[in-house]
Amino acid sequence: MTDKDYITGEELGNKLLQAVREMKAGQIGRVTVVEPNEVAAARFATGLSQAQFAHALCISRRTLQDWEQGRRQPSGAARALIRLARKHPKLIAEELAA
């Protein structure tokens, strides 16, 4: 590394102070919007927790987490249930209460 790769303590302090001023003024440097996938959107529509939704679908909470985070995809039958849950969220909530 060369001297150009380093900044002085004063430069760092000035950059941090400027960042704090921008935050206080409501200036946000970056906004990240994450759209939920179909599984998470279906669960949100029902208003159920992950544990409740997984129980209603007769799957483990871990499986639901994998689906919501995109690590795995639901099978055909599970995908059909997810679509039903998204279109008719009360059905899933009623199933849980039964």
N, C-alpha and C. Protein backbone atom coordinates (compact mmCIF):
# COMPACT_ATOMS: atom_id res chain seq x y z
N MET A 1 0.83 -1.18 0.00
CA MET A 1 0.00 0.00 0.00
C MET A 1 0.88 1.25 0.00
N THR A 2 0.37 2.25 -0.65
CA THR A 2 1.09 3.51 -0.70
C THR A 2 0.45 4.48 0.28
N ASP A 3 1.07 5.63 0.44
CA ASP A 3 0.53 6.67 1.32
C ASP A 3 -0.83 7.17 0.83
N LYS A 4 -1.09 7.03 -0.47
CA LYS A 4 -2.36 7.48 -1.03
C LYS A 4 -3.52 6.58 -0.61
N ASP A 5 -3.20 5.34 -0.17
CA ASP A 5 -4.23 4.40 0.24
C ASP A 5 -4.74 4.68 1.66
N TYR A 6 -4.06 5.53 2.39
CA TYR A 6 -4.44 5.82 3.77
C TYR A 6 -5.00 7.23 3.86
N ILE A 7 -5.94 7.40 4.81
CA ILE A 7 -6.41 8.76 5.09
C ILE A 7 -6.02 9.09 6.52
N THR A 8 -5.87 10.35 6.78
CA THR A 8 -5.46 10.77 8.11
C THR A 8 -6.64 10.69 9.06
N GLY A 9 -6.35 10.73 10.34
CA GLY A 9 -7.41 10.73 11.35
C GLY A 9 -8.32 11.93 11.19
N GLU A 10 -7.77 13.06 10.82
CA GLU A 10 -8.57 14.27 10.63
C GLU A 10 -9.52 14.11 9.45
N GLU A 11 -9.02 13.52 8.34
CA GLU A 11 -9.88 13.29 7.17
C GLU A 11 -11.02 12.34 7.50
N LEU A 12 -10.70 11.28 8.23
CA LEU A 12 -11.72 10.33 8.63
C LEU A 12 -12.75 11.00 9.53
N GLY A 13 -12.29 11.78 10.49
CA GLY A 13 -13.19 12.50 11.38
C GLY A 13 -14.11 13.44 10.62
N ASN A 14 -13.57 14.14 9.63
CA ASN A 14 -14.39 15.05 8.82
C ASN A 14 -15.45 14.29 8.01
N LYS A 15 -15.05 13.14 7.47
CA LYS A 15 -16.01 12.34 6.71
C LYS A 15 -17.13 11.81 7.61
N LEU A 16 -16.77 11.36 8.80
CA LEU A 16 -17.78 10.87 9.74
C LEU A 16 -18.71 11.99 10.19
N LEU A 17 -18.15 13.16 10.46
CA LEU A 17 -18.96 14.31 10.87
C LEU A 17 -19.93 14.70 9.76
N GLN A 18 -19.47 14.69 8.52
CA GLN A 18 -20.33 15.01 7.39
C GLN A 18 -21.46 13.99 7.26
N ALA A 19 -21.13 12.71 7.47
CA ALA A 19 -22.14 11.65 7.39
C ALA A 19 -23.20 11.84 8.46
N VAL A 20 -22.79 12.20 9.67
CA VAL A 20 -23.75 12.43 10.75
C VAL A 20 -24.65 13.62 10.42
N ARG A 21 -24.08 14.68 9.89
CA ARG A 21 -24.87 15.85 9.49
C ARG A 21 -25.92 15.47 8.44
N GLU A 22 -25.51 14.66 7.47
CA GLU A 22 -26.44 14.23 6.42
C GLU A 22 -27.56 13.37 7.00
N MET A 23 -27.24 12.48 7.93
CA MET A 23 -28.26 11.64 8.55
C MET A 23 -29.26 12.49 9.33
N LYS A 24 -28.75 13.46 10.09
CA LYS A 24 -29.63 14.33 10.87
C LYS A 24 -30.52 15.17 9.97
N ALA A 25 -30.03 15.52 8.80
CA ALA A 25 -30.80 16.33 7.86
C ALA A 25 -31.78 15.47 7.06
N GLY A 26 -31.77 14.16 7.31
CA GLY A 26 -32.68 13.26 6.59
C GLY A 26 -32.18 12.84 5.24
N GLN A 27 -30.94 13.12 4.95
CA GLN A 27 -30.38 12.71 3.66
C GLN A 27 -29.86 11.28 3.79
N ILE A 28 -30.48 10.40 3.06
CA ILE A 28 -30.08 9.00 3.14
C ILE A 28 -29.27 8.67 1.91
N GLY A 29 -28.13 8.08 2.11
CA GLY A 29 -27.23 7.78 1.01
C GLY A 29 -27.68 6.63 0.14
N ARG A 30 -28.38 5.65 0.74
CA ARG A 30 -28.76 4.48 -0.03
C ARG A 30 -30.04 3.89 0.57
N VAL A 31 -30.95 3.54 -0.28
CA VAL A 31 -32.18 2.90 0.14
C VAL A 31 -32.28 1.57 -0.59
N THR A 32 -32.45 0.50 0.17
CA THR A 32 -32.58 -0.82 -0.42
C THR A 32 -34.00 -1.32 -0.18
N VAL A 33 -34.67 -1.67 -1.24
CA VAL A 33 -36.03 -2.20 -1.14
C VAL A 33 -35.99 -3.66 -1.55
N VAL A 34 -36.45 -4.51 -0.67
CA VAL A 34 -36.46 -5.94 -0.95
C VAL A 34 -37.92 -6.38 -1.09
N GLU A 35 -38.23 -6.91 -2.23
CA GLU A 35 -39.59 -7.41 -2.48
C GLU A 35 -39.67 -8.84 -1.96
N PRO A 36 -40.70 -9.15 -1.18
CA PRO A 36 -40.83 -10.53 -0.70
C PRO A 36 -41.17 -11.46 -1.85
N ASN A 37 -40.67 -12.69 -1.77
CA ASN A 37 -41.02 -13.65 -2.81
C ASN A 37 -42.45 -14.13 -2.59
N GLU A 38 -42.93 -15.00 -3.46
CA GLU A 38 -44.33 -15.44 -3.42
C GLU A 38 -44.68 -16.10 -2.09
N VAL A 39 -43.76 -16.87 -1.53
CA VAL A 39 -44.03 -17.57 -0.27
C VAL A 39 -44.18 -16.57 0.86
N ALA A 40 -43.22 -15.65 0.97
CA ALA A 40 -43.29 -14.65 2.04
C ALA A 40 -44.52 -13.75 1.87
N ALA A 41 -44.83 -13.39 0.63
CA ALA A 41 -46.01 -12.55 0.38
C ALA A 41 -47.29 -13.26 0.80
N ALA A 42 -47.35 -14.56 0.55
CA ALA A 42 -48.53 -15.34 0.96
C ALA A 42 -48.66 -15.35 2.47
N ARG A 43 -47.53 -15.55 3.16
CA ARG A 43 -47.58 -15.57 4.63
C ARG A 43 -47.96 -14.21 5.17
N PHE A 44 -47.40 -13.14 4.61
CA PHE A 44 -47.73 -11.79 5.07
C PHE A 44 -49.22 -11.53 4.89
N ALA A 45 -49.79 -12.03 3.79
CA ALA A 45 -51.21 -11.82 3.52
C ALA A 45 -52.09 -12.47 4.59
N THR A 46 -51.61 -13.59 5.15
CA THR A 46 -52.39 -14.28 6.18
C THR A 46 -52.25 -13.61 7.54
N GLY A 47 -51.15 -12.87 7.72
CA GLY A 47 -50.90 -12.24 9.02
C GLY A 47 -50.35 -13.21 10.05
N LEU A 48 -49.93 -14.38 9.60
CA LEU A 48 -49.43 -15.41 10.52
C LEU A 48 -47.91 -15.32 10.67
N SER A 49 -47.43 -15.81 11.81
CA SER A 49 -45.98 -15.92 12.02
C SER A 49 -45.46 -17.07 11.17
N GLN A 50 -44.14 -17.18 11.08
CA GLN A 50 -43.57 -18.30 10.33
C GLN A 50 -43.99 -19.63 10.95
N ALA A 51 -43.95 -19.72 12.26
CA ALA A 51 -44.32 -20.96 12.93
C ALA A 51 -45.78 -21.33 12.66
N GLN A 52 -46.66 -20.35 12.74
CA GLN A 52 -48.08 -20.61 12.50
C GLN A 52 -48.34 -21.01 11.05
N PHE A 53 -47.72 -20.30 10.12
CA PHE A 53 -47.92 -20.58 8.70
C PHE A 53 -47.38 -21.97 8.35
N ALA A 54 -46.20 -22.30 8.87
CA ALA A 54 -45.61 -23.62 8.62
C ALA A 54 -46.52 -24.71 9.18
N HIS A 55 -47.06 -24.49 10.37
CA HIS A 55 -47.98 -25.46 10.98
C HIS A 55 -49.22 -25.65 10.12
N ALA A 56 -49.77 -24.56 9.61
CA ALA A 56 -50.97 -24.63 8.78
C ALA A 56 -50.71 -25.40 7.48
N LEU A 57 -49.49 -25.31 6.96
CA LEU A 57 -49.14 -26.01 5.72
C LEU A 57 -48.56 -27.40 5.97
N CYS A 58 -48.44 -27.78 7.27
CA CYS A 58 -47.88 -29.09 7.66
C CYS A 58 -46.45 -29.26 7.17
N ILE A 59 -45.65 -28.21 7.33
CA ILE A 59 -44.23 -28.26 6.98
C ILE A 59 -43.44 -27.74 8.18
N SER A 60 -42.14 -27.95 8.17
CA SER A 60 -41.31 -27.43 9.26
C SER A 60 -41.06 -25.94 9.07
N ARG A 61 -40.80 -25.27 10.16
CA ARG A 61 -40.49 -23.84 10.08
C ARG A 61 -39.22 -23.62 9.27
N ARG A 62 -38.28 -24.51 9.40
CA ARG A 62 -37.02 -24.41 8.67
C ARG A 62 -37.26 -24.48 7.15
N THR A 63 -38.16 -25.37 6.74
CA THR A 63 -38.49 -25.47 5.31
C THR A 63 -39.10 -24.17 4.83
N LEU A 64 -40.01 -23.61 5.61
CA LEU A 64 -40.62 -22.33 5.25
C LEU A 64 -39.56 -21.24 5.13
N GLN A 65 -38.63 -21.19 6.08
CA GLN A 65 -37.56 -20.20 6.03
C GLN A 65 -36.73 -20.36 4.76
N ASP A 66 -36.42 -21.60 4.41
CA ASP A 66 -35.65 -21.85 3.19
C ASP A 66 -36.41 -21.36 1.96
N TRP A 67 -37.71 -21.56 1.93
CA TRP A 67 -38.52 -21.09 0.81
C TRP A 67 -38.54 -19.57 0.76
N GLU A 68 -38.77 -18.95 1.92
CA GLU A 68 -38.87 -17.48 1.96
C GLU A 68 -37.55 -16.81 1.59
N GLN A 69 -36.45 -17.43 1.94
CA GLN A 69 -35.14 -16.84 1.67
C GLN A 69 -34.56 -17.28 0.34
N GLY A 70 -35.33 -18.08 -0.42
CA GLY A 70 -34.90 -18.46 -1.76
C GLY A 70 -33.86 -19.55 -1.82
N ARG A 71 -33.57 -20.20 -0.70
CA ARG A 71 -32.58 -21.27 -0.72
C ARG A 71 -33.15 -22.54 -1.35
N ARG A 72 -34.47 -22.72 -1.22
CA ARG A 72 -35.16 -23.86 -1.82
C ARG A 72 -36.48 -23.38 -2.39
N GLN A 73 -37.07 -24.19 -3.26
CA GLN A 73 -38.36 -23.86 -3.87
C GLN A 73 -39.38 -24.91 -3.45
N PRO A 74 -40.62 -24.47 -3.19
CA PRO A 74 -41.66 -25.45 -2.85
C PRO A 74 -41.97 -26.37 -4.03
N SER A 75 -42.41 -27.59 -3.72
CA SER A 75 -42.79 -28.54 -4.75
C SER A 75 -44.10 -28.10 -5.39
N GLY A 76 -44.55 -28.85 -6.39
CA GLY A 76 -45.78 -28.51 -7.09
C GLY A 76 -46.98 -28.39 -6.18
N ALA A 77 -47.19 -29.39 -5.31
CA ALA A 77 -48.35 -29.36 -4.41
C ALA A 77 -48.23 -28.21 -3.41
N ALA A 78 -47.05 -28.03 -2.86
CA ALA A 78 -46.85 -26.93 -1.91
C ALA A 78 -47.02 -25.58 -2.60
N ARG A 79 -46.55 -25.49 -3.84
CA ARG A 79 -46.70 -24.24 -4.60
C ARG A 79 -48.17 -23.91 -4.80
N ALA A 80 -48.99 -24.94 -5.04
CA ALA A 80 -50.43 -24.73 -5.20
C ALA A 80 -51.04 -24.20 -3.89
N LEU A 81 -50.60 -24.76 -2.76
CA LEU A 81 -51.08 -24.26 -1.46
C LEU A 81 -50.66 -22.81 -1.23
N ILE A 82 -49.45 -22.48 -1.63
CA ILE A 82 -48.95 -21.11 -1.48
C ILE A 82 -49.82 -20.15 -2.30
N ARG A 83 -50.13 -20.54 -3.52
CA ARG A 83 -50.99 -19.69 -4.36
C ARG A 83 -52.37 -19.51 -3.73
N LEU A 84 -52.91 -20.59 -3.18
CA LEU A 84 -54.20 -20.49 -2.48
C LEU A 84 -54.11 -19.55 -1.28
N ALA A 85 -53.02 -19.68 -0.54
CA ALA A 85 -52.84 -18.83 0.64
C ALA A 85 -52.74 -17.37 0.24
N ARG A 86 -52.11 -17.11 -0.87
CA ARG A 86 -51.96 -15.72 -1.32
C ARG A 86 -53.29 -15.14 -1.81
N LYS A 87 -54.07 -15.96 -2.52
CA LYS A 87 -55.34 -15.48 -3.05
C LYS A 87 -56.45 -15.48 -2.01
N HIS A 88 -56.36 -16.40 -1.05
CA HIS A 88 -57.41 -16.54 -0.03
C HIS A 88 -56.76 -16.71 1.35
N PRO A 89 -56.16 -15.66 1.88
CA PRO A 89 -55.41 -15.77 3.14
C PRO A 89 -56.26 -16.24 4.32
N LYS A 90 -57.56 -15.95 4.29
CA LYS A 90 -58.41 -16.36 5.41
C LYS A 90 -58.54 -17.87 5.50
N LEU A 91 -58.44 -18.56 4.36
CA LEU A 91 -58.53 -20.02 4.37
C LEU A 91 -57.44 -20.64 5.24
N ILE A 92 -56.24 -20.13 5.12
CA ILE A 92 -55.12 -20.66 5.89
C ILE A 92 -55.30 -20.35 7.36
N ALA A 93 -55.70 -19.14 7.68
CA ALA A 93 -55.93 -18.76 9.07
C ALA A 93 -57.05 -19.60 9.68
N GLU A 94 -58.09 -19.88 8.89
CA GLU A 94 -59.21 -20.72 9.38
C GLU A 94 -58.72 -22.16 9.60
N GLU A 95 -57.87 -22.65 8.71
CA GLU A 95 -57.34 -24.01 8.84
C GLU A 95 -56.54 -24.14 10.13
N LEU A 96 -55.81 -23.10 10.46
CA LEU A 96 -55.00 -23.12 11.68
C LEU A 96 -55.91 -23.15 12.91
N ALA A 97 -57.01 -22.43 12.86
CA ALA A 97 -57.92 -22.36 14.00
C ALA A 97 -58.70 -23.66 14.17
N ALA A 98 -58.83 -24.44 13.09
CA ALA A 98 -59.64 -25.66 13.15
C ALA A 98 -58.96 -26.76 13.94
